[in-house]
Amino acid sequence: MPGNKCNVDPATPKSRTERLMKERNLRKLNKVFNLNEKAGDSLRDGELFSNDSAFTETENCASLNEEELSEGIDGYDRQDQRLPKQRLLVVANRLPVSAVRQGKDSWQLEISVGGLVSALLGLKEFDARWIGWAGVNVPDETGQEALTKALAEKKCIPVFLDEDTVHQYYNGYCNNIIWPLFHYLGLPQEDRLSTTRSFQSQFDAYKKANQMFANVVHENYEEGDVVWCHDYHLMFLPRCLKEKNSNIKVGWFLHTPFPSSEIHRMLPSRRDLLESVLAADLVGFHTYDYARHFVSACTRILGLEGTPEGVENQGKLTRVAAFPIGIDSDRFHSSSGAPSGPGSHKRTERKICWEKGNVRC
């Protein structure tokens, strides 16, 4: 009956003190559970939470000191913040900084501005490392060591590409072949013959560059890391990563449209690209239509099974979904009061991010 104390659930906290202590003890139990799970121990839910009723008010008051009472919920939030964050390796064609050489072993780093950089500003809950090309050719070992050290302060890891690879991989295959077709644009008539003749060399450079990115990822990978590959520049990367370590958790996200299967069929390397992307555990797109086009291409070109969750290939399911990406609105709002004038917003934005040590600006 309502109001009858005998009907009150004994596990329900009777006071704020008891509630806080119960939350703390549950956090500790969950932490122990996670550690045991990593070690291969299997704990049943009944074993984990069977002692909930033992959290009596007497035990809670005896173990809760005045400092914890004064901190309250905020104190537990601060304890959570001290826990190690999930490491995330963000792999993109370009780093969020541009490097300018000042001397033999000296580099100046400038914040890059772009859609991909702006889209990933909100990754504050992860311990992120950014792997990519610094936008400059560094042929000498001294320069590479100095640049690697400078970028490490911003949690960036460089991939060193030579000029010929960049020309054929980035300017050639990525921007001259994939980008136009993914945007439903045909190749320019005057470039069609030369593009056809050099297609194989550009495709070889594309695969070579993706393997170089994979090598850097493996050098910096730690067990438990999540690798997040980005855009059409790195469609071969999931396969390169999985071939060496099948346990790596890999995601791939496309920041452009994915065309219909009729358009994707025009690529001579259509099967290789699709099969390489399917090596990832999760494939993401901006919209549902782009995700549907990808699944359709896999079923029509590769003859695989499409499901509501993704694409199934020989018992392995690659999840495919739409993840609309926005921007860090708080950051742009904080910079909206910057002094007006040509380039002032960009300079203020860069200054704010640089002072905060945010490599994703």
Protein backbone atom coordinates (compact mmCIF):
# COMPACT_ATOMS: atom_id res chain seq x y z
CA MET A 1 0.00 0.00 0.00
CA PRO A 2 1.17 3.56 -0.63
CA GLY A 3 2.89 5.00 2.36
CA ASN A 4 3.53 1.64 4.00
CA LYS A 5 7.24 1.45 4.84
CA CYS A 6 7.12 -2.30 4.66
CA ASN A 7 6.50 -2.09 0.92
CA VAL A 8 9.59 0.01 0.18
CA ASP A 9 12.25 -1.75 -1.87
CA PRO A 10 15.26 -2.19 0.47
CA ALA A 11 17.62 -1.60 -2.47
CA THR A 12 16.19 1.90 -3.04
CA PRO A 13 18.52 4.58 -1.59
CA LYS A 14 16.87 6.35 1.36
CA SER A 15 19.15 9.41 1.37
CA ARG A 16 21.50 11.38 -0.83
CA THR A 17 24.46 9.92 1.04
CA GLU A 18 23.31 6.37 0.37
CA ARG A 19 22.61 7.20 -3.27
CA LEU A 20 26.11 8.60 -3.77
CA MET A 21 27.74 5.64 -2.10
CA LYS A 22 25.71 3.16 -4.10
CA GLU A 23 26.75 4.87 -7.32
CA ARG A 24 30.38 4.78 -6.27
CA ASN A 25 30.26 1.10 -5.35
CA LEU A 26 28.55 0.26 -8.62
CA ARG A 27 31.29 2.09 -10.49
CA LYS A 28 33.92 0.06 -8.64
CA LEU A 29 32.10 -3.19 -9.38
CA ASN A 30 31.80 -2.32 -13.05
CA LYS A 31 35.48 -1.44 -13.17
CA VAL A 32 36.37 -4.82 -11.66
CA PHE A 33 34.03 -6.49 -14.12
CA ASN A 34 35.74 -4.79 -17.07
CA LEU A 35 39.19 -5.82 -15.85
CA ASN A 36 38.09 -9.43 -15.38
CA GLU A 37 36.49 -9.42 -18.80
CA LYS A 38 39.75 -8.35 -20.40
CA ALA A 39 41.57 -11.13 -18.56
CA GLY A 40 39.17 -13.68 -19.98
CA ASP A 41 37.10 -14.23 -16.80
CA SER A 42 33.37 -14.63 -17.23
CA LEU A 43 31.18 -13.18 -14.46
CA ARG A 44 27.48 -13.77 -14.38
CA ASP A 45 25.23 -10.78 -13.80
CA GLY A 46 23.85 -12.41 -10.67
CA GLU A 47 27.33 -12.67 -9.18
CA LEU A 48 28.16 -9.08 -10.05
CA PHE A 49 25.11 -7.39 -8.57
CA SER A 50 23.91 -9.94 -5.96
CA ASN A 51 25.23 -7.79 -3.10
CA ASP A 52 23.24 -4.66 -3.99
CA SER A 53 21.02 -5.09 -0.93
CA ALA A 54 24.11 -5.19 1.27
CA PHE A 55 24.72 -1.48 0.70
CA THR A 56 23.15 -0.54 4.03
CA GLU A 57 22.98 3.01 5.31
CA THR A 58 25.30 2.17 8.19
CA GLU A 59 28.05 0.90 5.87
CA ASN A 60 27.61 3.87 3.56
CA CYS A 61 27.91 6.45 6.35
CA ALA A 62 30.93 4.68 7.80
CA SER A 63 32.87 4.73 4.52
CA LEU A 64 31.84 8.15 3.20
CA ASN A 65 34.02 10.98 4.47
CA GLU A 66 33.26 14.69 4.60
CA GLU A 67 35.33 15.47 1.50
CA GLU A 68 33.32 13.04 -0.62
CA LEU A 69 30.09 14.47 0.76
CA SER A 70 31.14 18.00 -0.20
CA GLU A 71 32.19 16.91 -3.69
CA GLY A 72 28.94 15.07 -4.43
CA ILE A 73 28.30 14.08 -8.02
CA ASP A 74 30.91 16.52 -9.31
CA GLY A 75 33.56 14.62 -7.42
CA TYR A 76 32.66 11.37 -9.13
CA ASP A 77 32.72 13.10 -12.49
CA ARG A 78 36.27 14.22 -11.77
CA GLN A 79 37.20 10.66 -10.83
CA ASP A 80 35.84 9.48 -14.17
CA GLN A 81 37.91 12.09 -15.97
CA ARG A 82 41.07 10.65 -14.43
CA LEU A 83 40.38 7.28 -15.99
CA PRO A 84 42.34 6.62 -19.20
CA LYS A 85 40.46 7.55 -22.35
CA GLN A 86 39.94 5.25 -25.31
CA ARG A 87 42.77 5.72 -27.80
CA LEU A 88 41.60 6.64 -31.28
CA LEU A 89 43.88 6.70 -34.31
CA VAL A 90 42.40 9.10 -36.86
CA VAL A 91 43.92 8.38 -40.27
CA ALA A 92 43.36 10.92 -43.05
CA ASN A 93 45.22 12.01 -46.15
CA ARG A 94 46.28 15.31 -44.54
CA LEU A 95 47.21 16.22 -41.00
CA PRO A 96 45.31 19.08 -39.32
CA VAL A 97 48.52 21.12 -39.44
CA SER A 98 50.72 22.31 -42.30
CA ALA A 99 54.49 22.21 -41.89
CA VAL A 100 56.83 24.95 -43.13
CA ARG A 101 60.56 24.27 -42.97
CA GLN A 102 62.61 26.97 -41.23
CA GLY A 103 66.00 25.27 -41.30
CA LYS A 104 67.76 21.94 -41.45
CA ASP A 105 66.11 20.69 -38.26
CA SER A 106 63.47 23.35 -37.57
CA TRP A 107 59.80 23.40 -38.57
CA GLN A 108 56.95 25.85 -38.17
CA LEU A 109 53.47 24.34 -37.80
CA GLU A 110 50.33 26.14 -38.91
CA ILE A 111 46.76 25.05 -38.28
CA SER A 112 45.04 23.76 -41.40
CA VAL A 113 41.49 24.78 -42.24
CA GLY A 114 39.18 22.33 -43.98
CA GLY A 115 35.91 20.46 -43.83
CA LEU A 116 37.38 17.26 -42.42
CA VAL A 117 39.24 19.13 -39.69
CA SER A 118 36.14 21.11 -38.71
CA ALA A 119 34.02 17.95 -38.67
CA LEU A 120 36.30 16.17 -36.18
CA LEU A 121 36.68 18.98 -33.66
CA GLY A 122 34.20 17.40 -31.27
CA LEU A 123 36.28 14.29 -30.50
CA LYS A 124 37.03 15.37 -26.94
CA GLU A 125 36.10 12.13 -25.18
CA PHE A 126 38.90 10.18 -26.89
CA ASP A 127 42.68 10.21 -26.61
CA ALA A 128 43.11 10.89 -30.31
CA ARG A 129 46.23 10.63 -32.46
CA TRP A 130 46.10 11.96 -36.02
CA ILE A 131 48.05 10.13 -38.72
CA GLY A 132 48.50 11.69 -42.16
CA TRP A 133 50.67 13.48 -44.68
CA ALA A 134 52.11 16.82 -43.55
CA GLY A 135 51.75 18.35 -47.01
CA VAL A 136 55.47 18.69 -47.66
CA ASN A 137 58.19 16.52 -49.18
CA VAL A 138 60.94 15.67 -46.65
CA PRO A 139 63.59 13.53 -48.36
CA ASP A 140 66.31 13.79 -45.67
CA GLU A 141 66.34 11.79 -42.45
CA THR A 142 67.27 14.81 -40.32
CA GLY A 143 64.25 16.74 -41.50
CA GLN A 144 61.95 13.76 -40.96
CA GLU A 145 63.14 13.28 -37.39
CA ALA A 146 62.74 16.97 -36.57
CA LEU A 147 59.26 17.14 -38.10
CA THR A 148 58.16 13.97 -36.32
CA LYS A 149 59.26 15.46 -33.00
CA ALA A 150 57.50 18.76 -33.65
CA LEU A 151 54.26 17.05 -34.68
CA ALA A 152 54.35 14.74 -31.66
CA GLU A 153 53.70 17.74 -29.41
CA LYS A 154 50.37 18.15 -31.20
CA LYS A 155 49.60 14.40 -31.12
CA CYS A 156 50.17 14.14 -34.86
CA ILE A 157 52.11 11.39 -36.64
CA PRO A 158 53.43 12.03 -40.16
CA VAL A 159 53.38 9.78 -43.21
CA PHE A 160 56.25 10.72 -45.52
CA LEU A 161 55.29 10.53 -49.19
CA ASP A 162 57.68 11.36 -52.03
CA GLU A 163 56.71 13.83 -54.75
CA ASP A 164 56.03 11.22 -57.45
CA THR A 165 53.75 9.20 -55.18
CA VAL A 166 51.84 12.32 -54.16
CA HIS A 167 51.44 13.38 -57.78
CA GLN A 168 50.10 10.05 -59.02
CA TYR A 169 48.20 9.03 -55.87
CA TYR A 170 46.68 12.34 -54.75
CA ASN A 171 46.59 14.55 -57.84
CA GLY A 172 46.09 11.59 -60.15
CA TYR A 173 43.95 8.73 -58.94
CA CYS A 174 42.18 10.51 -56.04
CA ASN A 175 41.35 13.87 -57.59
CA ASN A 176 41.37 13.02 -61.28
CA ILE A 177 39.44 9.75 -61.19
CA ILE A 178 37.63 8.94 -57.93
CA TRP A 179 36.46 12.44 -56.95
CA PRO A 180 34.80 13.29 -60.30
CA LEU A 181 33.00 9.95 -60.55
CA PHE A 182 31.82 10.05 -56.93
CA HIS A 183 30.29 13.46 -57.71
CA TYR A 184 28.66 12.21 -60.94
CA LEU A 185 31.09 14.16 -63.11
CA GLY A 186 32.69 12.68 -66.20
CA LEU A 187 36.36 13.06 -66.91
CA PRO A 188 37.27 16.15 -68.97
CA GLN A 189 37.37 15.31 -72.66
CA GLU A 190 40.88 16.66 -73.16
CA ASP A 191 42.22 14.55 -70.28
CA ARG A 192 40.40 11.34 -71.09
CA LEU A 193 43.12 9.75 -73.24
CA SER A 194 46.03 10.63 -70.94
CA THR A 195 44.03 9.49 -67.89
CA THR A 196 43.31 6.14 -69.50
CA ARG A 197 46.92 5.58 -70.46
CA SER A 198 48.28 6.41 -67.00
CA PHE A 199 45.47 4.82 -65.03
CA GLN A 200 47.43 1.74 -63.98
CA SER A 201 50.41 3.72 -62.70
CA GLN A 202 48.07 6.01 -60.75
CA PHE A 203 46.24 3.03 -59.29
CA ASP A 204 49.54 1.41 -58.29
CA ALA A 205 50.59 4.64 -56.58
CA TYR A 206 47.24 4.73 -54.79
CA LYS A 207 47.76 1.23 -53.38
CA LYS A 208 51.38 2.04 -52.49
CA ALA A 209 50.35 5.17 -50.57
CA ASN A 210 47.63 3.30 -48.69
CA GLN A 211 50.17 0.66 -47.66
CA MET A 212 52.51 3.40 -46.41
CA PHE A 213 49.70 4.78 -44.26
CA ALA A 214 49.04 1.26 -42.95
CA ASN A 215 52.71 0.80 -42.03
CA VAL A 216 52.66 3.97 -39.91
CA VAL A 217 49.43 2.87 -38.23
CA HIS A 218 50.94 -0.51 -37.30
CA GLU A 219 54.06 1.19 -35.91
CA ASN A 220 51.96 3.30 -33.54
CA TYR A 221 49.14 0.86 -32.81
CA GLU A 222 48.56 -0.31 -29.24
CA GLU A 223 46.27 -3.17 -28.32
CA GLY A 224 42.74 -1.88 -27.86
CA ASP A 225 43.11 1.11 -30.17
CA VAL A 226 40.35 1.98 -32.62
CA VAL A 227 41.48 3.04 -36.11
CA TRP A 228 39.22 5.47 -37.94
CA CYS A 229 40.04 5.84 -41.66
CA HIS A 230 38.70 8.76 -43.63
CA ASP A 231 37.59 9.48 -47.15
CA TYR A 232 38.19 8.23 -50.67
CA HIS A 233 41.95 8.71 -50.39
CA LEU A 234 42.21 5.65 -48.14
CA MET A 235 39.77 3.09 -49.50
CA PHE A 236 42.51 0.44 -49.55
CA LEU A 237 43.58 1.11 -45.96
CA PRO A 238 41.08 -1.19 -44.14
CA ARG A 239 42.30 -4.19 -46.13
CA CYS A 240 45.97 -3.30 -45.56
CA LEU A 241 45.35 -3.05 -41.82
CA LYS A 242 43.36 -6.26 -41.50
CA GLU A 243 45.82 -8.31 -43.55
CA LYS A 244 48.53 -7.74 -40.96
CA ASN A 245 46.37 -7.75 -37.82
CA SER A 246 42.85 -9.12 -38.09
CA ASN A 247 42.05 -8.02 -34.50
CA ILE A 248 42.33 -4.28 -35.21
CA LYS A 249 39.03 -2.46 -34.89
CA VAL A 250 38.71 -0.47 -38.12
CA GLY A 251 36.12 2.06 -39.22
CA TRP A 252 35.97 3.89 -42.55
CA PHE A 253 33.98 7.03 -43.25
CA LEU A 254 33.36 8.75 -46.58
CA HIS A 255 33.09 12.55 -46.60
CA THR A 256 31.77 12.77 -50.16
CA PRO A 257 28.74 11.27 -51.90
CA PHE A 258 28.90 7.60 -52.81
CA PRO A 259 27.46 7.20 -56.31
CA SER A 260 24.90 4.73 -57.55
CA SER A 261 26.12 1.31 -58.63
CA GLU A 262 25.77 2.31 -62.30
CA ILE A 263 28.33 5.09 -61.82
CA HIS A 264 30.65 3.08 -59.57
CA ARG A 265 30.65 0.33 -62.20
CA MET A 266 32.58 2.70 -64.50
CA LEU A 267 35.74 2.33 -62.39
CA PRO A 268 38.09 -0.38 -63.68
CA SER A 269 39.16 -0.97 -60.05
CA ARG A 270 35.58 -1.08 -58.76
CA ARG A 271 35.84 -4.59 -57.25
CA ASP A 272 39.17 -3.94 -55.53
CA LEU A 273 37.91 -0.74 -53.91
CA LEU A 274 34.68 -2.31 -52.65
CA GLU A 275 36.39 -5.41 -51.28
CA SER A 276 39.02 -3.28 -49.54
CA VAL A 277 36.44 -1.08 -47.81
CA LEU A 278 34.47 -4.17 -46.74
CA ALA A 279 37.48 -5.28 -44.70
CA ALA A 280 36.49 -2.59 -42.17
CA ASP A 281 34.21 -3.45 -39.25
CA LEU A 282 32.05 -0.35 -39.71
CA VAL A 283 31.50 1.76 -42.84
CA GLY A 284 29.88 5.15 -42.48
CA PHE A 285 28.34 7.73 -44.82
CA HIS A 286 26.75 11.15 -44.45
CA THR A 287 23.28 10.10 -45.58
CA TYR A 288 21.12 7.01 -45.87
CA ASP A 289 21.14 7.31 -49.69
CA TYR A 290 24.94 7.08 -49.83
CA ALA A 291 24.88 4.02 -47.55
CA ARG A 292 22.19 2.43 -49.71
CA HIS A 293 24.24 3.07 -52.85
CA PHE A 294 27.25 1.36 -51.28
CA VAL A 295 25.26 -1.73 -50.28
CA SER A 296 23.70 -1.82 -53.75
CA ALA A 297 27.14 -1.67 -55.38
CA CYS A 298 28.35 -4.55 -53.21
CA THR A 299 25.35 -6.71 -54.14
CA ARG A 300 25.32 -5.90 -57.86
CA ILE A 301 29.06 -5.78 -58.53
CA LEU A 302 30.39 -8.28 -55.99
CA GLY A 303 27.32 -10.47 -55.76
CA LEU A 304 27.26 -10.30 -51.95
CA GLU A 305 24.35 -10.41 -49.54
CA GLY A 306 22.95 -7.05 -48.43
CA THR A 307 21.17 -6.89 -45.06
CA PRO A 308 19.54 -4.08 -43.05
CA GLU A 309 22.71 -3.99 -40.93
CA GLY A 310 25.23 -3.98 -43.77
CA VAL A 311 26.95 -6.39 -46.14
CA GLU A 312 27.69 -10.05 -45.43
CA ASN A 313 30.72 -11.64 -47.04
CA GLN A 314 31.57 -15.29 -46.30
CA GLY A 315 30.17 -15.13 -42.78
CA LYS A 316 31.66 -11.72 -41.95
CA LEU A 317 29.26 -8.82 -41.51
CA THR A 318 30.47 -5.30 -42.30
CA ARG A 319 28.08 -2.87 -40.70
CA VAL A 320 26.99 0.01 -42.94
CA ALA A 321 25.17 3.05 -41.58
CA ALA A 322 24.61 6.78 -41.98
CA PHE A 323 26.28 9.15 -39.51
CA PRO A 324 25.53 12.82 -40.28
CA ILE A 325 28.48 14.95 -39.22
CA GLY A 326 28.25 18.47 -37.85
CA ILE A 327 30.70 20.92 -36.33
CA ASP A 328 31.76 21.93 -32.84
CA SER A 329 29.23 24.75 -32.43
CA ASP A 330 30.67 25.90 -29.09
CA ARG A 331 34.05 26.55 -30.67
CA PHE A 332 32.59 28.62 -33.49
CA HIS A 333 30.36 30.48 -31.05
CA SER A 334 33.33 31.38 -28.84
CA SER A 335 35.19 32.80 -31.83
CA SER A 336 32.21 34.77 -33.13
CA GLY A 337 33.13 37.76 -30.95
CA ALA A 338 36.53 38.13 -32.57
CA PRO A 339 37.53 41.52 -34.02
CA SER A 340 36.26 42.09 -37.54
CA GLY A 341 38.54 42.51 -40.51
CA PRO A 342 40.03 40.46 -43.34
CA GLY A 343 41.21 37.14 -41.99
CA SER A 344 40.64 38.12 -38.36
CA HIS A 345 38.19 35.32 -37.65
CA LYS A 346 40.58 32.74 -39.05
CA ARG A 347 43.50 34.12 -37.05
CA THR A 348 41.50 34.25 -33.82
CA GLU A 349 40.15 30.75 -34.41
CA ARG A 350 43.63 29.38 -34.95
CA LYS A 351 45.00 31.21 -31.91
CA ILE A 352 42.28 29.89 -29.60
CA CYS A 353 42.78 26.31 -30.75
CA TRP A 354 46.56 26.50 -30.69
CA GLU A 355 46.64 27.90 -27.13
CA LYS A 356 44.34 25.08 -26.01
CA GLY A 357 46.61 22.53 -27.68
CA ASN A 358 43.76 21.21 -29.77
CA VAL A 359 45.33 19.49 -32.78
CA ARG A 360 41.94 19.10 -34.43
CA CYS A 361 41.53 22.83 -35.14
